[in-house]
Amino acid sequence: MVAVSAPLPLKSQKMPSYGSHPLLGALPELEKDQLGALTRAVEQHGDVVRLASHLKSLVVVRNPADVQHILVDNNRNYSKNTRGYEMLRMLLGNGLVTSEGDFWLRQRRIAQPAFHKERIAAFASVMTRAAEDTLARWQAPMAAGQDVDVAAEMMRLTLTVVGQTLLSVDLSGDSDEVGRALTVALEYTNYRITHLFSAPRFIPTRANREFAHAVKVLDGVVLDVIKQRRQGEQKMDLVSMFMHARDDVTGGAMDDQQLRDEVMTMFLAGHETTAMALTWTLYLLTQHPEVEARVRAELAEVLGERTPVLEDLRRLPYLERVLKEAIRLYPPAWIMGRYALHDDVVGGYTVPRGSYVFISPYLTHRHPGLWKDPERFDPDRFLPERMEGMPKYAYFPFSAGQRKCIGDGFAMMEAELVLATLLPRVRFAISPNARVELEPLVTLRPKHGMKMLLTPTNGEVAQRVPTVSTSSSEQSLAAAARAGGCPFHAMLGR
């Protein structure tokens, strides 16, 4: 295995550089295929590498010790003053994901109690009910042998959960204006991040007008719910918890604007990321029937034919390992960017002030010096005895340090309960017409959706499911990740 070096804080050397274009360096490759370019850069040059560019100083970091240095030990030197976060602020305002400094710390202290285990436990039934509603909706395409876009279905499911747990609002209907507005807002934000030369927002293009309308719709719903709660309406949802929470230090509470920004943040963080985690988990199970059989056996032993409840999760350790391994290979939040406020030394190399530093769970999670056979789907690598001795930040799908995702427990609980509800009742198989290709946007999406054929586990229409094509195998997807991608935001930082 490749040795993983610790950072060298007292001396620096010339950083290796990736990118061959005589004028633009690595930028043409990044425009064409960011994920492949970043992968090749670390494979050829190691854990700290400069992406050649005359426009900006761009640095990619893969070593867990350096990840810790940037996100934890010296995090005050690395701000979120990047293009990606600037674009996210259009929608999220100054919420937990986008805010910084003392304001962020105050908001974190206020919001933290809402995510205590006892609080989020009350939402378990919302999650399983959303999964059961999804199963009911699948009955018609299953009976007809029609394929289903599981990625879109998981987005719809998690949107239902986030609407009910945040605001006690049903966002599941196709005709629901709020659901459409959230979709428009997220797609617009994705587009602005991935396209450097978009029209300024004050120009009334169709996209700009649709985004402005979407934000108006979302603000109207959120602010109306806040008004209702202020007038005394009681609900057991996150916005109510945020409203009644107080800063342990100052005793302060969130005002309406802060509440709005945190609700929008939770819409993004609690919707698309969990949907992608579920999508990639189901995909990997279609490619590994031995893992699928084992997780189904565990579910049958623990649940029988009943719907799971929260207390069941502690008795489903293999299901948890399956989910963790899927998120290792395909972390929804696959890259994070920071801006260096001062000169620093990372991994023995000087990182100049003004550099954009990229940390990618996708790259670290596939580090051959950390993970044996890193491209292989092996849930048992998360057995305690096999994880013993691993560097702390070899695995960080929810970021790290102070800025670790506040809703990581919520997301894991939701994903496990949804899988435990769906898998005993439905078998999944990749459609022969499916095209599975990575699309690294704000989250790591399947570019063409995830078309699958579904059959009930009672075998009622089992003959309709064809053999899975090897062209859609995990190895093909890994190759596709290196062969193609999409323009992303590396040039100006995420």
Protein backbone atom coordinates (compact mmCIF):
# COMPACT_ATOMS: atom_id res chain seq x y z
CA MET A 1 0.00 0.00 0.00
CA VAL A 2 1.09 3.59 -0.63
CA ALA A 3 2.45 5.39 2.41
CA VAL A 4 0.32 8.30 3.63
CA SER A 5 2.55 11.07 4.88
CA ALA A 6 1.82 13.47 7.72
CA PRO A 7 1.97 17.23 7.08
CA LEU A 8 5.36 18.91 7.54
CA PRO A 9 4.67 22.22 9.30
CA LEU A 10 8.21 23.62 9.61
CA LYS A 11 9.53 23.53 6.07
CA SER A 12 8.18 23.68 2.56
CA GLN A 13 9.18 22.57 -0.89
CA LYS A 14 8.00 23.23 -4.42
CA MET A 15 4.52 21.82 -4.94
CA PRO A 16 4.04 19.43 -7.88
CA SER A 17 1.87 20.82 -10.64
CA TYR A 18 -0.74 19.18 -12.86
CA GLY A 19 -1.87 20.52 -16.24
CA SER A 20 -0.14 20.59 -19.60
CA HIS A 21 -1.75 23.41 -21.59
CA PRO A 22 0.97 26.01 -22.31
CA LEU A 23 -1.25 28.96 -21.38
CA LEU A 24 -4.21 27.62 -19.41
CA GLY A 25 -2.55 24.78 -17.51
CA ALA A 26 -5.15 22.40 -16.04
CA LEU A 27 -8.16 24.59 -16.82
CA PRO A 28 -9.16 22.93 -20.13
CA GLU A 29 -9.18 19.50 -18.47
CA LEU A 30 -11.16 20.84 -15.52
CA GLU A 31 -13.72 22.39 -17.86
CA LYS A 32 -14.13 19.12 -19.74
CA ASP A 33 -13.89 16.57 -16.94
CA GLN A 34 -13.34 17.89 -13.45
CA LEU A 35 -13.69 14.64 -11.56
CA GLY A 36 -11.35 12.81 -13.91
CA ALA A 37 -8.81 15.65 -13.88
CA LEU A 38 -8.71 15.79 -10.08
CA THR A 39 -8.35 12.01 -9.88
CA ARG A 40 -5.49 11.99 -12.37
CA ALA A 41 -3.79 14.89 -10.57
CA VAL A 42 -3.53 13.08 -7.23
CA GLU A 43 -2.75 9.71 -8.84
CA GLN A 44 0.19 11.22 -10.74
CA HIS A 45 1.50 13.70 -8.17
CA GLY A 46 0.40 12.62 -4.70
CA ASP A 47 -1.61 14.05 -1.84
CA VAL A 48 -0.98 17.77 -2.40
CA VAL A 49 -0.95 19.07 -5.96
CA ARG A 50 -1.27 22.43 -7.64
CA LEU A 51 -3.63 22.69 -10.60
CA ALA A 52 -1.67 24.75 -13.09
CA SER A 53 -3.34 28.09 -13.82
CA HIS A 54 -2.22 31.67 -14.44
CA LEU A 55 -5.60 32.95 -13.22
CA LYS A 56 -5.82 31.54 -9.69
CA SER A 57 -3.80 29.45 -7.27
CA LEU A 58 -5.66 26.12 -7.11
CA VAL A 59 -4.57 23.36 -4.73
CA VAL A 60 -6.01 19.87 -4.25
CA VAL A 61 -5.45 18.07 -0.92
CA ARG A 62 -6.12 14.35 -0.33
CA ASN A 63 -4.18 13.27 2.78
CA PRO A 64 -6.36 12.85 5.93
CA ALA A 65 -3.76 14.65 8.05
CA ASP A 66 -3.91 17.64 5.69
CA VAL A 67 -7.70 17.50 5.66
CA GLN A 68 -7.57 17.77 9.43
CA HIS A 69 -5.14 20.67 9.24
CA ILE A 70 -7.43 22.67 6.93
CA LEU A 71 -10.85 21.80 8.33
CA VAL A 72 -9.96 21.46 12.01
CA ASP A 73 -6.55 22.52 13.30
CA ASN A 74 -6.08 25.69 11.22
CA ASN A 75 -9.66 26.21 10.05
CA ARG A 76 -9.62 29.94 10.84
CA ASN A 77 -7.20 30.42 7.96
CA TYR A 78 -9.60 28.87 5.45
CA SER A 79 -12.79 30.77 4.72
CA LYS A 80 -15.80 30.02 2.54
CA ASN A 81 -15.13 33.05 0.37
CA THR A 82 -15.49 31.05 -2.84
CA ARG A 83 -17.66 31.14 -5.94
CA GLY A 84 -19.70 28.12 -4.90
CA TYR A 85 -20.72 29.55 -1.55
CA GLU A 86 -21.39 32.94 -3.13
CA MET A 87 -23.86 31.27 -5.47
CA LEU A 88 -25.46 29.28 -2.65
CA ARG A 89 -26.07 32.50 -0.70
CA MET A 90 -28.49 33.58 -3.45
CA LEU A 91 -30.84 30.89 -2.19
CA LEU A 92 -29.72 30.07 1.34
CA GLY A 93 -28.89 33.53 2.62
CA ASN A 94 -26.66 33.47 5.68
CA GLY A 95 -27.50 30.02 7.04
CA LEU A 96 -25.29 27.42 8.70
CA VAL A 97 -23.73 26.24 5.43
CA THR A 98 -22.81 29.68 4.12
CA SER A 99 -22.21 31.84 7.23
CA GLU A 100 -18.89 32.19 9.02
CA GLY A 101 -17.23 33.54 12.16
CA ASP A 102 -19.09 34.60 15.28
CA PHE A 103 -22.44 34.76 13.49
CA TRP A 104 -22.11 31.13 12.38
CA LEU A 105 -21.08 30.05 15.89
CA ARG A 106 -24.11 31.74 17.43
CA GLN A 107 -26.44 30.12 14.89
CA ARG A 108 -24.87 26.72 15.46
CA ARG A 109 -25.36 27.00 19.22
CA ILE A 110 -29.01 27.90 18.74
CA ALA A 111 -29.74 25.19 16.16
CA GLN A 112 -27.79 22.32 17.75
CA PRO A 113 -30.46 21.24 20.30
CA ALA A 114 -32.98 20.64 17.50
CA PHE A 115 -30.77 17.79 16.24
CA HIS A 116 -30.32 15.94 19.51
CA LYS A 117 -31.12 12.26 19.12
CA GLU A 118 -34.27 12.49 21.23
CA ARG A 119 -35.64 15.29 19.06
CA ILE A 120 -35.03 13.74 15.65
CA ALA A 121 -36.30 10.34 16.87
CA ALA A 122 -39.81 11.77 16.66
CA PHE A 123 -39.44 12.04 12.86
CA ALA A 124 -38.82 8.32 12.24
CA SER A 125 -42.47 7.60 11.44
CA VAL A 126 -42.52 10.46 8.89
CA MET A 127 -39.60 8.81 7.09
CA THR A 128 -41.08 5.31 6.96
CA ARG A 129 -44.48 6.67 5.93
CA ALA A 130 -42.88 8.54 3.01
CA ALA A 131 -41.15 5.31 1.96
CA GLU A 132 -44.44 3.38 2.16
CA ASP A 133 -46.17 6.04 0.04
CA THR A 134 -43.39 5.59 -2.51
CA LEU A 135 -43.99 1.83 -2.54
CA ALA A 136 -47.69 2.42 -3.15
CA ARG A 137 -46.89 4.74 -6.07
CA TRP A 138 -44.66 2.07 -7.61
CA GLN A 139 -47.39 -0.56 -7.83
CA ALA A 140 -48.55 0.53 -11.30
CA PRO A 141 -45.12 0.62 -13.02
CA MET A 142 -44.19 -2.69 -11.35
CA ALA A 143 -47.33 -4.36 -12.64
CA ALA A 144 -46.72 -2.96 -16.14
CA GLY A 145 -43.00 -3.83 -16.21
CA GLN A 146 -42.11 -0.17 -16.72
CA ASP A 147 -38.84 1.26 -15.52
CA VAL A 148 -38.68 3.99 -12.88
CA ASP A 149 -36.14 6.77 -12.41
CA VAL A 150 -35.09 5.88 -8.89
CA ALA A 151 -32.99 9.06 -8.56
CA ALA A 152 -36.06 11.22 -9.20
CA GLU A 153 -38.12 9.03 -6.88
CA MET A 154 -35.63 9.39 -4.06
CA MET A 155 -35.61 13.15 -4.57
CA ARG A 156 -39.38 13.15 -4.29
CA LEU A 157 -39.29 10.98 -1.18
CA THR A 158 -36.72 13.09 0.65
CA LEU A 159 -38.55 16.27 -0.36
CA THR A 160 -41.64 14.87 1.33
CA VAL A 161 -39.65 14.15 4.48
CA VAL A 162 -37.94 17.52 4.61
CA GLY A 163 -41.23 19.35 4.04
CA GLN A 164 -43.01 17.54 6.84
CA THR A 165 -40.15 17.58 9.34
CA LEU A 166 -39.17 21.22 8.69
CA LEU A 167 -42.50 22.92 8.17
CA SER A 168 -45.27 20.34 8.57
CA VAL A 169 -46.03 20.97 4.86
CA ASP A 170 -46.70 18.28 2.25
CA LEU A 171 -44.39 18.84 -0.73
CA SER A 172 -44.87 15.47 -2.39
CA GLY A 173 -47.41 16.27 -5.09
CA ASP A 174 -46.26 16.80 -8.67
CA SER A 175 -48.55 19.83 -8.90
CA ASP A 176 -47.35 21.34 -5.63
CA GLU A 177 -46.03 24.83 -6.28
CA VAL A 178 -43.53 24.65 -3.44
CA GLY A 179 -42.02 21.41 -4.71
CA ARG A 180 -41.63 22.91 -8.18
CA ALA A 181 -40.14 26.11 -6.77
CA LEU A 182 -37.54 24.22 -4.76
CA THR A 183 -36.57 22.18 -7.82
CA VAL A 184 -36.19 25.33 -9.93
CA ALA A 185 -34.14 27.07 -7.24
CA LEU A 186 -31.77 24.14 -6.77
CA GLU A 187 -31.27 23.59 -10.50
CA TYR A 188 -30.61 27.31 -11.04
CA THR A 189 -28.06 27.37 -8.21
CA ASN A 190 -26.35 24.29 -9.67
CA TYR A 191 -26.22 25.98 -13.06
CA ARG A 192 -24.75 29.21 -11.70
CA ILE A 193 -22.01 27.31 -9.87
CA THR A 194 -21.08 25.19 -12.86
CA HIS A 195 -21.24 27.94 -15.51
CA LEU A 196 -18.75 30.72 -14.89
CA PHE A 197 -20.16 33.12 -17.47
CA SER A 198 -23.85 33.26 -16.61
CA ALA A 199 -25.98 36.36 -17.24
CA PRO A 200 -26.07 38.75 -14.25
CA ARG A 201 -29.16 38.30 -12.12
CA PHE A 202 -30.48 41.81 -12.88
CA ILE A 203 -30.90 40.88 -16.57
CA PRO A 204 -34.46 39.51 -16.98
CA THR A 205 -33.57 36.25 -18.72
CA ARG A 206 -36.04 33.40 -18.44
CA ALA A 207 -33.82 31.55 -15.96
CA ASN A 208 -33.35 34.64 -13.78
CA ARG A 209 -37.08 35.35 -13.75
CA GLU A 210 -37.93 31.74 -12.88
CA PHE A 211 -35.41 31.73 -10.05
CA ALA A 212 -36.73 35.01 -8.64
CA HIS A 213 -40.28 33.61 -8.73
CA ALA A 214 -39.16 30.35 -7.11
CA VAL A 215 -37.45 32.18 -4.24
CA LYS A 216 -40.56 34.34 -3.80
CA VAL A 217 -42.74 31.24 -3.54
CA LEU A 218 -40.42 29.55 -1.05
CA ASP A 219 -40.06 32.71 1.03
CA GLY A 220 -43.81 33.13 1.07
CA VAL A 221 -44.39 29.62 2.44
CA VAL A 222 -41.56 29.73 4.97
CA LEU A 223 -42.36 33.22 6.28
CA ASP A 224 -46.05 32.34 6.49
CA VAL A 225 -45.26 29.28 8.60
CA ILE A 226 -43.00 31.40 10.81
CA LYS A 227 -45.81 33.95 11.21
CA GLN A 228 -48.24 31.19 12.20
CA ARG A 229 -45.82 29.88 14.79
CA ARG A 230 -45.28 33.39 16.17
CA GLN A 231 -49.05 33.66 16.60
CA GLY A 232 -49.09 30.57 18.77
CA GLU A 233 -49.68 27.62 16.41
CA GLN A 234 -47.88 24.60 17.83
CA LYS A 235 -46.24 22.00 15.61
CA MET A 236 -43.57 19.38 16.24
CA ASP A 237 -41.29 20.39 13.38
CA LEU A 238 -37.79 21.78 13.04
CA VAL A 239 -38.85 25.37 12.41
CA SER A 240 -40.71 25.33 15.74
CA MET A 241 -37.63 23.88 17.45
CA PHE A 242 -35.44 26.58 15.89
CA MET A 243 -37.89 29.27 16.95
CA HIS A 244 -37.94 28.23 20.60
CA ALA A 245 -34.23 27.48 20.89
CA ARG A 246 -31.95 29.88 22.71
CA ASP A 247 -28.20 30.51 22.59
CA ASP A 248 -26.69 28.89 25.69
CA VAL A 249 -24.19 31.73 25.98
CA THR A 250 -26.19 34.87 25.16
CA GLY A 251 -29.78 33.69 25.58
CA GLY A 252 -30.58 35.09 22.13
CA ALA A 253 -33.02 33.58 19.63
CA MET A 254 -33.25 33.63 15.83
CA ASP A 255 -35.15 36.45 14.17
CA ASP A 256 -37.42 35.80 11.19
CA GLN A 257 -34.68 36.34 8.59
CA GLN A 258 -32.34 33.94 10.36
CA LEU A 259 -35.12 31.38 10.65
CA ARG A 260 -35.80 31.74 6.94
CA ASP A 261 -32.14 31.23 6.04
CA GLU A 262 -31.80 28.13 8.24
CA VAL A 263 -34.97 26.57 6.82
CA MET A 264 -33.69 27.10 3.27
CA THR A 265 -30.37 25.59 4.29
CA MET A 266 -32.09 22.51 5.70
CA PHE A 267 -34.12 22.16 2.49
CA LEU A 268 -30.89 21.88 0.51
CA ALA A 269 -28.81 19.90 3.00
CA GLY A 270 -31.64 17.53 3.94
CA HIS A 271 -33.11 16.90 0.53
CA GLU A 272 -30.76 16.32 -2.37
CA THR A 273 -27.82 14.85 -0.44
CA THR A 274 -29.89 12.12 1.23
CA ALA A 275 -31.62 11.35 -2.06
CA MET A 276 -28.27 10.83 -3.77
CA ALA A 277 -27.01 8.62 -0.94
CA LEU A 278 -30.07 6.42 -1.34
CA THR A 279 -29.78 6.35 -5.13
CA TRP A 280 -26.14 5.24 -5.16
CA THR A 281 -26.77 2.66 -2.43
CA LEU A 282 -29.55 1.06 -4.46
CA TYR A 283 -27.37 1.17 -7.56
CA LEU A 284 -24.50 -0.63 -5.81
CA LEU A 285 -26.84 -3.30 -4.50
CA THR A 286 -27.96 -4.06 -8.07
CA GLN A 287 -24.30 -4.65 -8.96
CA HIS A 288 -23.52 -6.85 -5.94
CA PRO A 289 -26.19 -9.54 -5.48
CA GLU A 290 -24.24 -11.19 -2.66
CA VAL A 291 -24.41 -7.98 -0.62
CA GLU A 292 -28.05 -7.50 -1.51
CA ALA A 293 -28.87 -11.04 -0.37
CA ARG A 294 -27.08 -10.54 2.92
CA VAL A 295 -28.78 -7.25 3.74
CA ARG A 296 -32.18 -8.71 2.82
CA ALA A 297 -31.53 -11.65 5.13
CA GLU A 298 -30.70 -9.30 8.00
CA LEU A 299 -33.86 -7.29 7.37
CA ALA A 300 -35.99 -10.44 7.22
CA GLU A 301 -34.56 -11.71 10.50
CA VAL A 302 -35.08 -8.43 12.36
CA LEU A 303 -38.30 -7.13 10.80
CA GLY A 304 -40.18 -10.08 9.37
CA GLU A 305 -42.92 -8.40 7.35
CA ARG A 306 -43.44 -5.29 9.48
CA THR A 307 -42.40 -1.70 8.85
CA PRO A 308 -39.18 -0.73 10.66
CA VAL A 309 -39.15 1.55 13.68
CA LEU A 310 -36.24 3.57 15.00
CA GLU A 311 -35.30 1.00 17.64
CA ASP A 312 -34.70 -1.57 14.89
CA LEU A 313 -31.70 0.29 13.48
CA ARG A 314 -29.34 -0.79 16.25
CA ARG A 315 -30.13 -4.40 15.25
CA LEU A 316 -29.27 -3.77 11.59
CA PRO A 317 -25.48 -3.31 11.64
CA TYR A 318 -24.94 -4.70 8.15
CA LEU A 319 -27.45 -2.27 6.65
CA GLU A 320 -25.53 0.56 8.31
CA ARG A 321 -22.24 -0.71 6.87
CA VAL A 322 -23.79 -0.98 3.40
CA LEU A 323 -24.88 2.66 3.58
CA LYS A 324 -21.51 3.84 4.90
CA GLU A 325 -19.68 2.00 2.14
CA ALA A 326 -21.96 3.44 -0.54
CA ILE A 327 -21.30 6.93 0.80
CA ARG A 328 -17.57 6.17 0.85
CA LEU A 329 -17.61 5.41 -2.87
CA TYR A 330 -20.13 8.06 -3.88
CA PRO A 331 -20.21 10.80 -1.22
CA PRO A 332 -23.05 13.18 -2.12
CA ALA A 333 -21.08 16.21 -0.89
CA TRP A 334 -18.09 15.11 -2.93
CA ILE A 335 -15.92 18.24 -2.79
CA MET A 336 -15.48 21.29 -0.57
CA GLY A 337 -13.61 24.47 -1.29
CA ARG A 338 -11.83 26.91 0.98
CA TYR A 339 -10.00 30.20 0.48
CA ALA A 340 -6.62 30.66 2.18
CA LEU A 341 -6.56 33.96 4.09
CA HIS A 342 -2.83 33.73 4.86
CA ASP A 343 0.18 31.77 3.68
CA ASP A 344 0.29 28.27 5.11
CA VAL A 345 2.26 25.03 4.85
CA VAL A 346 0.21 21.93 3.99
CA GLY A 347 1.82 18.52 3.61
CA GLY A 348 5.23 20.16 3.41
CA TYR A 349 4.22 22.57 0.63
CA THR A 350 3.58 26.31 0.74
CA VAL A 351 -0.02 27.28 0.09
CA PRO A 352 0.02 31.00 -0.77
CA ARG A 353 -2.50 33.46 0.57
CA GLY A 354 -5.42 33.76 -1.86
CA SER A 355 -5.28 30.11 -2.93
CA TYR A 356 -8.43 28.10 -3.47
CA VAL A 357 -7.97 24.78 -1.69
CA PHE A 358 -10.10 21.78 -2.66
CA ILE A 359 -10.75 18.88 -0.31
CA SER A 360 -12.63 15.95 -1.78
CA PRO A 361 -14.13 13.09 0.20
CA TYR A 362 -14.41 11.29 -3.15
CA LEU A 363 -10.61 11.36 -3.57
CA THR A 364 -9.70 10.63 0.05
CA HIS A 365 -12.25 7.83 0.29
CA ARG A 366 -10.52 6.11 -2.66
CA HIS A 367 -6.95 6.67 -1.46
CA PRO A 368 -5.02 3.44 -2.14
CA GLY A 369 -2.77 4.08 0.86
CA LEU A 370 -5.79 4.08 3.17
CA TRP A 371 -8.27 1.64 1.70
CA LYS A 372 -7.44 -1.84 0.46
CA ASP A 373 -8.81 -2.31 -3.06
CA PRO A 374 -10.50 1.10 -2.79
CA GLU A 375 -12.73 0.80 -5.86
CA ARG A 376 -14.39 -2.36 -4.52
CA PHE A 377 -17.76 -2.24 -2.76
CA ASP A 378 -17.07 -3.97 0.57
CA PRO A 379 -19.41 -3.04 3.45
CA ASP A 380 -17.40 -5.16 5.89
CA ARG A 381 -14.48 -2.76 5.64
CA PHE A 382 -16.49 -0.77 8.23
CA LEU A 383 -16.32 -3.54 10.80
CA PRO A 384 -14.76 -2.03 13.96
CA GLU A 385 -11.75 -4.35 13.85
CA ARG A 386 -11.01 -3.39 10.24
CA MET A 387 -11.41 0.34 10.87
CA GLU A 388 -9.07 0.24 13.86
CA GLY A 389 -5.98 2.30 13.18
CA MET A 390 -7.47 4.22 10.24
CA PRO A 391 -6.68 7.97 10.27
CA LYS A 392 -9.53 9.99 11.73
CA TYR A 393 -10.27 11.84 8.50
CA ALA A 394 -9.85 8.95 6.09
CA TYR A 395 -13.66 9.04 6.00
CA PHE A 396 -15.52 12.34 6.27
CA PRO A 397 -18.69 12.33 4.15
CA PHE A 398 -20.29 14.99 6.37
CA SER A 399 -17.22 17.28 6.45
CA ALA A 400 -15.20 17.62 9.67
CA GLY A 401 -14.47 19.74 12.69
CA GLN A 402 -16.69 22.63 13.70
CA ARG A 403 -18.31 22.70 10.26
CA LYS A 404 -19.34 19.06 10.27
CA CYS A 405 -22.92 18.73 9.04
CA ILE A 406 -25.33 19.40 11.90
CA GLY A 407 -27.84 16.97 10.40
CA ASP A 408 -25.60 13.92 9.90
CA GLY A 409 -27.55 11.84 12.42
CA PHE A 410 -30.84 12.87 10.83
CA ALA A 411 -29.58 11.94 7.35
CA MET A 412 -28.27 8.53 8.38
CA MET A 413 -31.45 7.72 10.27
CA GLU A 414 -33.59 8.70 7.29
CA ALA A 415 -31.52 6.74 4.77
CA GLU A 416 -31.45 3.58 6.90
CA LEU A 417 -35.18 3.69 7.63
CA VAL A 418 -36.03 4.24 3.96
CA LEU A 419 -33.80 1.36 2.85
CA ALA A 420 -35.21 -0.88 5.58
CA THR A 421 -38.72 -0.10 4.33
CA LEU A 422 -38.08 -0.48 0.59
CA LEU A 423 -35.69 -3.44 0.34
CA PRO A 424 -37.92 -6.14 1.92
CA ARG A 425 -40.70 -5.30 -0.53
CA VAL A 426 -39.01 -4.50 -3.83
CA ARG A 427 -36.15 -5.87 -5.89
CA PHE A 428 -34.20 -3.39 -7.99
CA ALA A 429 -32.44 -4.04 -11.31
CA ILE A 430 -30.77 -1.61 -13.68
CA SER A 431 -32.90 -1.07 -16.77
CA PRO A 432 -31.24 -2.29 -19.99
CA ASN A 433 -31.85 1.23 -21.35
CA ALA A 434 -30.13 2.93 -18.43
CA ARG A 435 -27.05 5.11 -18.85
CA VAL A 436 -25.18 5.40 -15.55
CA GLU A 437 -22.66 8.21 -15.50
CA LEU A 438 -21.41 10.45 -12.72
CA GLU A 439 -22.30 14.14 -12.81
CA PRO A 440 -20.33 16.10 -10.20
CA LEU A 441 -22.50 19.14 -9.46
CA VAL A 442 -23.17 20.53 -5.99
CA THR A 443 -23.89 16.89 -5.19
CA LEU A 444 -22.63 13.77 -6.94
CA ARG A 445 -25.56 12.91 -9.19
CA PRO A 446 -26.23 10.26 -11.82
CA LYS A 447 -26.17 12.36 -14.99
CA HIS A 448 -29.01 10.56 -16.76
CA GLY A 449 -31.01 9.62 -13.69
CA MET A 450 -31.09 6.03 -12.46
CA LYS A 451 -33.55 3.97 -14.51
CA MET A 452 -34.46 0.71 -12.82
CA LEU A 453 -36.97 -2.09 -13.19
CA LEU A 454 -38.73 -2.94 -9.96
CA THR A 455 -40.41 -6.17 -8.92
CA PRO A 456 -42.21 -7.05 -5.70
CA THR A 457 -40.31 -9.54 -3.59
CA ASN A 458 -43.22 -11.98 -3.76
CA GLY A 459 -42.09 -12.68 -7.33
CA GLU A 460 -45.43 -11.65 -8.84
CA VAL A 461 -43.83 -10.16 -11.97
CA ALA A 462 -40.30 -11.46 -11.53
CA GLN A 463 -40.15 -12.66 -15.13
CA ARG A 464 -40.19 -9.06 -16.31
CA VAL A 465 -36.73 -8.27 -14.91
CA PRO A 466 -33.92 -8.90 -17.42
CA THR A 467 -30.36 -9.83 -16.57
CA VAL A 468 -28.35 -6.79 -15.55
CA SER A 469 -26.13 -5.67 -18.39
CA THR A 470 -22.42 -5.70 -17.66
CA SER A 471 -22.18 -2.37 -19.49
CA SER A 472 -23.86 -0.82 -16.45
CA SER A 473 -21.52 -2.47 -13.98
CA GLU A 474 -19.65 -0.70 -11.23
CA GLN A 475 -16.38 -1.04 -13.14
CA SER A 476 -17.95 0.65 -16.16
CA LEU A 477 -19.11 3.49 -13.96
CA ALA A 478 -15.66 3.90 -12.43
CA ALA A 479 -14.22 4.12 -15.93
CA ALA A 480 -16.89 6.60 -16.97
CA ALA A 481 -16.01 8.80 -14.01
CA ARG A 482 -12.53 9.19 -15.45
CA ALA A 483 -13.60 9.50 -19.06
CA GLY A 484 -16.22 12.20 -18.80
CA GLY A 485 -17.72 14.78 -16.50
CA CYS A 486 -19.11 18.25 -16.71
CA PRO A 487 -17.83 21.82 -16.31
CA PHE A 488 -17.58 22.63 -12.62
CA HIS A 489 -16.47 25.48 -10.48
CA ALA A 490 -12.82 24.65 -9.82
CA MET A 491 -11.46 27.74 -11.55
CA LEU A 492 -12.94 30.15 -9.04
CA GLY A 493 -13.42 27.88 -6.06
CA ARG A 494 -16.37 26.23 -4.51
